[in-house]
Amino acid sequence: MSAHPPQRAARAEPSRALTTTGVVAVLRAPDADRYLPVARTLAGAGVLAIELTLTTPGTIRVLPELIRALPGEAEVGVGTVLTPDDARAALEAGAAFLVTPNSNRSVIEVAAAAGTPVYPGAFTPTEVASNWAAGAAAVKLFPAATAGPEYIEHLHGPFPGIPLVPSGGIGIADIPDWIRAGAIAVSLGGPLIGDAFRGGDPAQLKLRARAALAAVEAGRSRP
């Protein structure tokens, strides 16, 4: 009698906040206690997919409280996930999605087994295909600015069904080109967050957030 191969968990879909708004806000703060006012401003402006990074001390500690403090439609995930232990800790704390900077099958499998979307980083065609085969909900193209929007068009030739989220070096003015090239969303750090963690004006952060969302709509509305 032959043994049946193990069944991989069903692939999770990209989060609703990511697909509807088209923006993931990447928060790298000096300390996790500074997250809340910035995250509230972003969510209030309509940026609902918020990525907290494990390079910020205390991220896992504050994650449950932050989730409770934000509007229900906001989705808070954890990025810079490098190990399966990181992934499990983030999931136990309530992360809505996981993001990695690299291709790491073991991290993808932890998220997929939990039914949680994971967006692993990739750059080469082999990495993109491998991440997708492992169970990624979408693949983060990183560092995206190194290649430019036309790279997504090239990747979608052989991989038309793999959703891509470019990250790294993307400015707000660049967003429409990435969306028109086929990205389902863009990942924004410094160009969106600016000086918000250094005492910057929350009103200016809100303006940048709304400009990013408008840029996504501009990309979606023009072929």
Protein backbone atom coordinates (compact mmCIF):
# COMPACT_ATOMS: atom_id res chain seq x y z
CA MET A 1 0.00 0.00 0.00
CA SER A 2 1.54 3.32 -1.09
CA ALA A 3 1.63 6.31 1.22
CA HIS A 4 -0.11 9.47 0.11
CA PRO A 5 2.07 12.60 -0.12
CA PRO A 6 1.39 15.22 2.55
CA GLN A 7 -1.16 17.84 1.56
CA ARG A 8 -0.04 21.48 1.61
CA ALA A 9 -2.43 23.96 3.21
CA ALA A 10 -4.62 25.89 0.80
CA ARG A 11 -3.03 29.11 -0.40
CA ALA A 12 -4.29 32.19 1.43
CA GLU A 13 -5.53 35.11 -0.65
CA PRO A 14 -3.82 38.51 -0.43
CA SER A 15 -5.39 40.58 2.33
CA ARG A 16 -8.44 42.67 1.47
CA ALA A 17 -6.81 45.85 2.77
CA LEU A 18 -3.90 45.31 0.38
CA THR A 19 -5.94 44.57 -2.71
CA THR A 20 -8.54 47.30 -2.23
CA THR A 21 -6.21 50.17 -1.33
CA GLY A 22 -3.12 49.07 -3.24
CA VAL A 23 -0.74 50.37 -0.56
CA VAL A 24 1.21 48.66 2.21
CA ALA A 25 2.70 51.12 4.73
CA VAL A 26 6.01 49.88 6.14
CA LEU A 27 6.71 51.21 9.64
CA ARG A 28 10.31 51.15 10.93
CA ALA A 29 10.37 53.04 14.20
CA PRO A 30 13.13 53.63 16.78
CA ASP A 31 10.88 51.87 19.29
CA ALA A 32 7.55 50.05 18.99
CA ASP A 33 5.88 52.43 21.46
CA ARG A 34 5.96 55.08 18.71
CA TYR A 35 3.86 53.05 16.28
CA LEU A 36 0.36 53.91 17.44
CA PRO A 37 -0.08 57.60 16.47
CA VAL A 38 1.49 57.00 13.06
CA ALA A 39 -0.61 53.90 12.43
CA ARG A 40 -3.77 55.75 13.50
CA THR A 41 -3.05 58.61 11.11
CA LEU A 42 -2.44 56.20 8.23
CA ALA A 43 -5.60 54.20 8.93
CA GLY A 44 -7.62 57.40 9.27
CA ALA A 45 -6.38 58.48 5.84
CA GLY A 46 -7.40 55.15 4.30
CA VAL A 47 -4.10 53.24 4.27
CA LEU A 48 -5.34 50.05 5.89
CA ALA A 49 -2.53 47.54 5.27
CA ILE A 50 0.14 48.37 7.84
CA GLU A 51 3.38 46.41 8.17
CA LEU A 52 5.31 46.59 11.44
CA THR A 53 8.92 45.47 11.13
CA LEU A 54 10.84 43.15 13.42
CA THR A 55 13.86 45.46 13.15
CA THR A 56 11.92 47.74 15.52
CA PRO A 57 12.43 46.67 19.16
CA GLY A 58 9.22 45.56 20.86
CA THR A 59 7.12 44.93 17.76
CA ILE A 60 5.66 41.61 18.91
CA ARG A 61 5.01 43.01 22.39
CA VAL A 62 2.83 45.90 21.17
CA LEU A 63 1.13 44.15 18.26
CA PRO A 64 -2.03 42.92 20.09
CA GLU A 65 -2.66 46.33 21.66
CA LEU A 66 -2.09 48.11 18.36
CA ILE A 67 -4.55 45.84 16.56
CA ARG A 68 -7.21 46.60 19.17
CA ALA A 69 -6.58 50.35 18.92
CA LEU A 70 -7.02 50.62 15.14
CA PRO A 71 -10.26 50.55 13.13
CA GLY A 72 -11.61 47.09 12.41
CA GLU A 73 -10.95 47.37 8.67
CA ALA A 74 -7.23 47.98 9.26
CA GLU A 75 -4.98 44.94 8.84
CA VAL A 76 -1.71 44.92 10.75
CA GLY A 77 1.00 42.54 9.60
CA VAL A 78 4.60 41.89 10.52
CA GLY A 79 7.57 42.28 8.19
CA THR A 80 11.28 41.44 8.17
CA VAL A 81 10.29 37.93 9.22
CA LEU A 82 13.47 35.87 8.85
CA THR A 83 12.83 32.59 10.69
CA PRO A 84 9.97 30.19 11.40
CA ASP A 85 10.15 31.21 15.06
CA ASP A 86 9.67 34.86 14.03
CA ALA A 87 6.69 33.80 11.94
CA ARG A 88 5.08 31.81 14.73
CA ALA A 89 5.57 34.61 17.26
CA ALA A 90 3.99 37.15 14.88
CA LEU A 91 1.03 34.87 14.18
CA GLU A 92 0.46 34.18 17.87
CA ALA A 93 0.42 37.94 18.48
CA GLY A 94 -2.30 38.38 15.84
CA ALA A 95 -0.49 39.41 12.66
CA ALA A 96 -2.89 39.64 9.71
CA PHE A 97 -0.11 38.94 7.21
CA LEU A 98 3.64 38.26 7.12
CA VAL A 99 6.33 39.79 4.91
CA THR A 100 9.89 38.61 4.35
CA PRO A 101 12.81 40.35 2.63
CA ASN A 102 14.01 37.11 1.09
CA SER A 103 12.98 33.69 -0.16
CA ASN A 104 12.52 31.42 2.86
CA ARG A 105 10.38 28.37 2.25
CA SER A 106 10.13 27.47 5.94
CA VAL A 107 8.61 30.86 6.81
CA ILE A 108 6.16 30.62 3.91
CA GLU A 109 5.06 27.17 5.05
CA VAL A 110 4.39 28.36 8.63
CA ALA A 111 2.12 31.13 7.34
CA ALA A 112 0.42 28.93 4.76
CA ALA A 113 -0.32 26.26 7.36
CA ALA A 114 -2.00 28.93 9.50
CA GLY A 115 -4.03 30.22 6.56
CA THR A 116 -2.37 33.64 6.84
CA PRO A 117 -1.24 35.59 3.77
CA VAL A 118 2.54 35.79 3.37
CA TYR A 119 4.39 38.04 0.93
CA PRO A 120 7.95 36.73 0.65
CA GLY A 121 10.67 38.79 -0.98
CA ALA A 122 12.09 37.77 -4.34
CA PHE A 123 13.97 39.31 -7.22
CA THR A 124 14.88 36.68 -9.80
CA PRO A 125 12.37 34.67 -11.82
CA THR A 126 13.47 31.52 -9.99
CA GLU A 127 12.81 33.13 -6.59
CA VAL A 128 9.42 34.44 -7.70
CA ALA A 129 8.35 31.01 -8.96
CA SER A 130 9.74 29.19 -5.91
CA ASN A 131 7.96 31.48 -3.45
CA TRP A 132 4.69 31.04 -5.29
CA ALA A 133 5.07 27.26 -5.39
CA ALA A 134 5.72 27.25 -1.63
CA GLY A 135 2.36 28.90 -0.93
CA ALA A 136 2.86 32.67 -1.04
CA ALA A 137 -0.31 34.75 -1.28
CA ALA A 138 1.64 37.29 -3.36
CA VAL A 139 5.33 37.83 -3.99
CA LYS A 140 7.15 40.97 -2.88
CA LEU A 141 9.49 42.17 -5.62
CA PHE A 142 12.53 43.53 -3.75
CA PRO A 143 14.46 45.74 -4.28
CA ALA A 144 12.02 46.87 -6.94
CA ALA A 145 13.56 50.19 -7.97
CA THR A 146 16.69 48.34 -9.07
CA ALA A 147 14.74 46.90 -11.98
CA GLY A 148 11.92 49.38 -12.64
CA PRO A 149 8.23 48.86 -13.47
CA GLU A 150 8.93 47.19 -16.81
CA TYR A 151 10.43 44.26 -14.89
CA ILE A 152 6.95 43.33 -13.67
CA GLU A 153 5.75 43.24 -17.27
CA HIS A 154 8.61 40.89 -18.12
CA LEU A 155 7.88 38.62 -15.14
CA HIS A 156 4.19 38.46 -16.01
CA GLY A 157 5.11 37.00 -19.40
CA PRO A 158 5.98 33.56 -17.99
CA PHE A 159 4.13 34.06 -14.68
CA PRO A 160 0.85 35.83 -15.52
CA GLY A 161 -0.97 34.46 -12.49
CA ILE A 162 1.50 35.46 -9.77
CA PRO A 163 0.47 38.67 -7.95
CA LEU A 164 3.45 40.97 -7.36
CA VAL A 165 3.97 43.73 -4.79
CA PRO A 166 7.02 45.90 -5.55
CA SER A 167 8.97 47.23 -2.58
CA GLY A 168 12.13 49.27 -2.15
CA GLY A 169 12.94 52.68 -3.60
CA ILE A 170 9.41 53.50 -4.78
CA GLY A 171 8.28 57.12 -4.46
CA ILE A 172 4.66 58.25 -4.40
CA ALA A 173 5.01 59.74 -7.88
CA ASP A 174 6.21 56.35 -9.17
CA ILE A 175 3.12 54.44 -8.04
CA PRO A 176 0.96 54.79 -11.18
CA ASP A 177 3.69 53.28 -13.37
CA TRP A 178 4.01 50.25 -11.09
CA ILE A 179 0.27 49.70 -10.96
CA ARG A 180 -0.07 50.04 -14.73
CA ALA A 181 2.76 47.53 -15.14
CA GLY A 182 0.69 44.96 -13.25
CA ALA A 183 1.47 45.31 -9.53
CA ILE A 184 -1.50 44.54 -7.28
CA ALA A 185 -0.14 46.98 -4.69
CA VAL A 186 3.02 48.85 -3.73
CA SER A 187 4.98 48.75 -0.48
CA LEU A 188 6.04 52.18 0.82
CA GLY A 189 8.37 53.04 3.66
CA GLY A 190 10.30 56.30 3.84
CA PRO A 191 8.54 58.16 1.01
CA LEU A 192 5.23 57.67 2.82
CA ILE A 193 6.27 57.78 6.48
CA GLY A 194 8.74 60.63 6.06
CA ASP A 195 9.57 62.30 9.38
CA ALA A 196 6.52 60.96 11.23
CA PHE A 197 8.64 59.12 13.81
CA ARG A 198 10.81 62.19 14.35
CA GLY A 199 8.06 64.58 15.38
CA GLY A 200 6.76 65.37 11.90
CA ASP A 201 3.36 66.95 11.30
CA PRO A 202 0.60 64.29 11.27
CA ALA A 203 -1.32 66.43 8.78
CA GLN A 204 1.54 66.06 6.30
CA LEU A 205 1.59 62.30 6.83
CA LYS A 206 -2.14 62.21 6.10
CA LEU A 207 -1.58 64.20 2.91
CA ARG A 208 1.13 61.77 1.77
CA ALA A 209 -1.13 58.81 2.54
CA ARG A 210 -3.99 60.26 0.52
CA ALA A 211 -1.61 61.10 -2.32
CA ALA A 212 -0.41 57.48 -2.38
CA LEU A 213 -3.97 56.16 -2.55
CA ALA A 214 -4.82 58.63 -5.31
CA ALA A 215 -1.73 57.51 -7.23
CA VAL A 216 -2.92 53.89 -7.05
CA GLU A 217 -6.29 54.93 -8.44
CA ALA A 218 -4.58 56.87 -11.21
CA GLY A 219 -2.62 53.77 -12.17
CA ARG A 220 -5.74 51.60 -12.12
CA SER A 221 -7.84 53.99 -14.16
CA ARG A 222 -5.40 54.49 -17.06
CA PRO A 223 -4.15 51.61 -19.21
